[in-house]
Amino acid sequence: MRDQVTKSPAETESFGERFGKRLRVGDLVLLTGELGAGKTTFVRGVARGIGSSAPVASPTFQLVRVYTGRVQLAHIDLYRIETSSELADLGLDELLDQGAAVVEWGDRLDAPKAALVHLEHLQGDRRMIRVERDLIR
């Protein structure tokens, strides 16, 4: 996949959907970007790409939300995580054994083999989505 400027939330979701169609069990995707950059909007598309019709919301207060589809998708938010013991409590390894995971605020997780996607708010509804490290196949 290549970098893309999207002009609306629907286009950001569409990019995420194409990304989600490629996910397999064990895939880890780290999302970075400031508040309001479109990370959750991107994940809505990823969930659609795995075949989930469930409504996607930010897991900020729940930390992990799981969506079912052709692969299980764990949507994780590390915004409120402050210690490495809290990270361990998430059970990321177990979630990856069962499906794929997309992590908002992924720069807080040391995972050099993970896909890395940076979202940047340009202006209005425009976003730059930069795939810095793609899914490893």
Protein backbone atom coordinates (compact mmCIF):
# COMPACT_ATOMS: atom_id res chain seq x y z
CA MET A 1 0.00 0.00 0.00
CA ARG A 2 1.14 3.53 -0.56
CA ASP A 3 0.72 6.81 1.27
CA GLN A 4 -2.51 8.61 0.58
CA VAL A 5 -4.21 11.91 1.28
CA THR A 6 -7.88 11.37 2.07
CA LYS A 7 -10.43 14.15 1.76
CA SER A 8 -13.23 12.80 3.98
CA PRO A 9 -13.88 10.34 6.80
CA ALA A 10 -15.38 7.98 4.19
CA GLU A 11 -12.11 8.00 2.21
CA THR A 12 -10.10 7.38 5.41
CA GLU A 13 -12.38 4.42 6.19
CA SER A 14 -12.02 3.13 2.64
CA PHE A 15 -8.22 3.16 2.94
CA GLY A 16 -8.56 1.31 6.25
CA GLU A 17 -10.91 -1.22 4.64
CA ARG A 18 -8.37 -2.06 1.95
CA PHE A 19 -5.75 -2.45 4.68
CA GLY A 20 -8.09 -4.67 6.74
CA LYS A 21 -8.73 -7.01 3.80
CA ARG A 22 -5.04 -7.96 3.96
CA LEU A 23 -4.95 -8.77 7.70
CA ARG A 24 -4.18 -12.28 8.89
CA VAL A 25 -3.88 -13.96 12.27
CA GLY A 26 -0.80 -12.65 14.06
CA ASP A 27 -0.67 -9.28 12.26
CA LEU A 28 0.04 -6.28 14.48
CA VAL A 29 -0.59 -2.75 13.22
CA LEU A 30 0.59 0.27 15.20
CA LEU A 31 -1.19 3.56 14.55
CA THR A 32 0.36 6.91 15.40
CA GLY A 33 -0.92 10.46 15.12
CA GLU A 34 -2.19 13.28 17.28
CA LEU A 35 -5.64 13.44 18.84
CA GLY A 36 -8.18 13.85 16.05
CA ALA A 37 -5.85 12.51 13.35
CA GLY A 38 -8.36 9.85 12.27
CA LYS A 39 -7.04 6.71 13.96
CA THR A 40 -10.46 5.41 15.03
CA THR A 41 -11.95 6.33 11.65
CA PHE A 42 -9.19 4.28 10.00
CA VAL A 43 -9.98 1.34 12.32
CA ARG A 44 -13.67 1.52 11.34
CA GLY A 45 -12.53 0.75 7.82
CA VAL A 46 -10.15 -1.99 8.98
CA ALA A 47 -13.05 -3.68 10.81
CA ARG A 48 -15.16 -3.50 7.66
CA GLY A 49 -12.22 -5.01 5.77
CA ILE A 50 -12.20 -8.09 8.02
CA GLY A 51 -15.95 -8.44 7.46
CA SER A 52 -17.26 -7.00 10.73
CA SER A 53 -20.45 -4.96 10.71
CA ALA A 54 -20.14 -4.03 14.40
CA PRO A 55 -20.04 -0.33 15.26
CA VAL A 56 -16.44 0.72 15.99
CA ALA A 57 -15.76 3.18 18.78
CA SER A 58 -12.57 4.36 20.40
CA PRO A 59 -11.53 1.90 23.12
CA THR A 60 -9.98 4.68 25.24
CA PHE A 61 -11.85 3.76 28.42
CA GLN A 62 -12.15 0.03 27.70
CA LEU A 63 -8.57 -0.37 26.35
CA VAL A 64 -9.46 -3.34 24.10
CA ARG A 65 -12.47 -3.97 21.89
CA VAL A 66 -12.73 -7.17 19.86
CA TYR A 67 -14.55 -7.46 16.53
CA THR A 68 -15.33 -10.71 14.75
CA GLY A 69 -14.94 -11.30 11.04
CA ARG A 70 -12.88 -13.57 8.79
CA VAL A 71 -10.14 -12.90 11.39
CA GLN A 72 -10.74 -11.60 14.89
CA LEU A 73 -9.67 -7.96 15.26
CA ALA A 74 -8.51 -6.53 18.58
CA HIS A 75 -8.72 -2.73 18.64
CA ILE A 76 -6.41 -1.46 21.39
CA ASP A 77 -5.90 2.07 22.67
CA LEU A 78 -2.72 2.83 24.65
CA TYR A 79 -3.51 6.50 25.33
CA ARG A 80 -4.11 5.90 29.04
CA ILE A 81 -1.40 3.24 29.52
CA GLU A 82 1.44 4.52 31.68
CA THR A 83 3.48 1.48 32.74
CA SER A 84 4.88 -1.62 31.09
CA SER A 85 2.95 -3.79 33.57
CA GLU A 86 -0.30 -2.32 32.25
CA LEU A 87 0.84 -3.28 28.74
CA ALA A 88 1.49 -6.83 29.90
CA ASP A 89 -2.02 -7.01 31.35
CA LEU A 90 -3.53 -6.43 27.89
CA GLY A 91 -2.65 -9.97 26.78
CA LEU A 92 -1.40 -8.86 23.37
CA ASP A 93 0.30 -12.20 22.62
CA GLU A 94 -2.93 -14.09 23.25
CA LEU A 95 -4.91 -11.64 21.11
CA LEU A 96 -2.43 -12.13 18.25
CA ASP A 97 -2.74 -15.91 18.59
CA GLN A 98 -6.48 -15.49 18.01
CA GLY A 99 -6.41 -12.83 15.30
CA ALA A 100 -4.94 -9.46 14.35
CA ALA A 101 -4.53 -6.32 16.43
CA VAL A 102 -4.60 -2.61 15.62
CA VAL A 103 -3.11 -0.37 18.31
CA GLU A 104 -3.89 3.33 18.62
CA TRP A 105 -1.02 5.31 20.14
CA GLY A 106 1.17 2.46 18.92
CA ASP A 107 4.36 4.47 19.42
CA ARG A 108 4.06 3.47 23.10
CA LEU A 109 4.68 -0.17 22.15
CA ASP A 110 8.07 -1.54 21.14
CA ALA A 111 7.28 -3.86 18.23
CA PRO A 112 9.80 -3.40 15.39
CA LYS A 113 8.19 -6.08 13.19
CA ALA A 114 4.72 -4.55 13.37
CA ALA A 115 3.18 -2.58 10.54
CA LEU A 116 3.33 1.14 11.29
CA VAL A 117 0.75 3.60 9.98
CA HIS A 118 0.94 7.32 10.74
CA LEU A 119 -2.13 9.53 10.36
CA GLU A 120 -1.80 13.28 10.16
CA HIS A 121 -4.59 15.86 10.21
CA LEU A 122 -3.94 18.29 7.37
CA GLN A 123 -6.93 20.66 7.37
CA GLY A 124 -10.68 20.20 7.47
CA ASP A 125 -11.44 16.55 6.72
CA ARG A 126 -8.13 15.95 4.91
CA ARG A 127 -5.74 13.37 6.34
CA MET A 128 -2.32 12.10 5.26
CA ILE A 129 -2.07 8.37 5.85
CA ARG A 130 1.54 7.25 5.67
CA VAL A 131 2.32 3.54 5.77
CA GLU A 132 5.80 3.70 7.29
CA ARG A 133 6.12 -0.09 7.63
CA ASP A 134 3.68 -2.32 5.78
CA LEU A 135 2.41 -5.75 6.77
CA ILE A 136 5.18 -8.31 6.52
CA ARG A 137 4.38 -11.21 4.20
